[in-house]
């Protein structure tokens, strides 16, 4: 399924987006989880700066 998603993003305006993954520590348990989003190339820095 990943290949299909990547292939569809290569057509048109998909090259202007980036998949970002951030490791976030839980306040309650102390365990780490991963949060991923599709953001525009210009907003990748903002994604990592916010908590």
Protein backbone atom coordinates (compact mmCIF):
# COMPACT_ATOMS: atom_id res chain seq x y z
CA UNK A 1 0.00 0.00 0.00
CA UNK A 2 2.89 2.36 0.65
CA UNK A 3 4.01 2.10 -2.96
CA UNK A 4 0.55 3.09 -4.15
CA UNK A 5 0.52 6.15 -1.85
CA UNK A 6 3.98 7.25 -2.92
CA UNK A 7 3.18 6.72 -6.58
CA UNK A 8 0.02 8.83 -6.36
CA UNK A 9 1.92 11.63 -4.60
CA UNK A 10 4.50 11.78 -7.41
CA UNK A 11 1.84 12.97 -9.85
CA UNK A 12 0.96 16.65 -9.72
CA UNK A 13 1.59 18.59 -6.51
CA UNK A 14 2.62 15.69 -4.29
CA UNK A 15 6.28 16.63 -4.45
CA UNK A 16 5.49 19.71 -2.34
CA UNK A 17 4.60 17.52 0.65
CA UNK A 18 6.74 15.60 3.13
CA UNK A 19 5.85 12.83 5.58
CA UNK A 20 7.30 13.75 8.97
CA UNK A 21 7.58 11.46 11.98
CA UNK A 22 8.17 12.75 15.50
CA UNK A 23 8.88 10.77 18.67
CA UNK A 24 6.76 12.05 21.58
CA UNK A 25 7.14 11.06 25.24
CA UNK A 26 3.91 10.46 27.18
CA UNK A 27 3.50 12.56 30.33
CA UNK A 28 1.60 9.79 32.18
CA UNK A 29 3.53 6.62 31.41
CA UNK A 30 6.87 7.90 30.14
CA UNK A 31 6.57 5.67 27.05
CA UNK A 32 7.48 7.02 23.64
CA UNK A 33 5.02 7.09 20.74
CA UNK A 34 5.47 8.14 17.14
CA UNK A 35 3.33 10.86 15.55
CA UNK A 36 3.39 11.18 11.78
CA UNK A 37 1.75 13.67 9.45
CA UNK A 38 1.87 14.79 5.86
CA UNK A 39 2.87 18.47 5.78
CA UNK A 40 4.02 20.89 3.12
CA UNK A 41 7.75 21.30 2.65
CA UNK A 42 7.62 24.84 4.05
CA UNK A 43 6.00 23.79 7.35
CA UNK A 44 8.28 20.88 8.30
CA UNK A 45 10.31 23.06 10.70
CA UNK A 46 7.10 24.26 12.40
CA UNK A 47 6.00 20.64 12.91
CA UNK A 48 9.16 19.79 14.84
CA UNK A 49 9.18 23.04 16.83
CA UNK A 50 5.68 22.66 18.30
CA UNK A 51 5.05 20.37 21.26
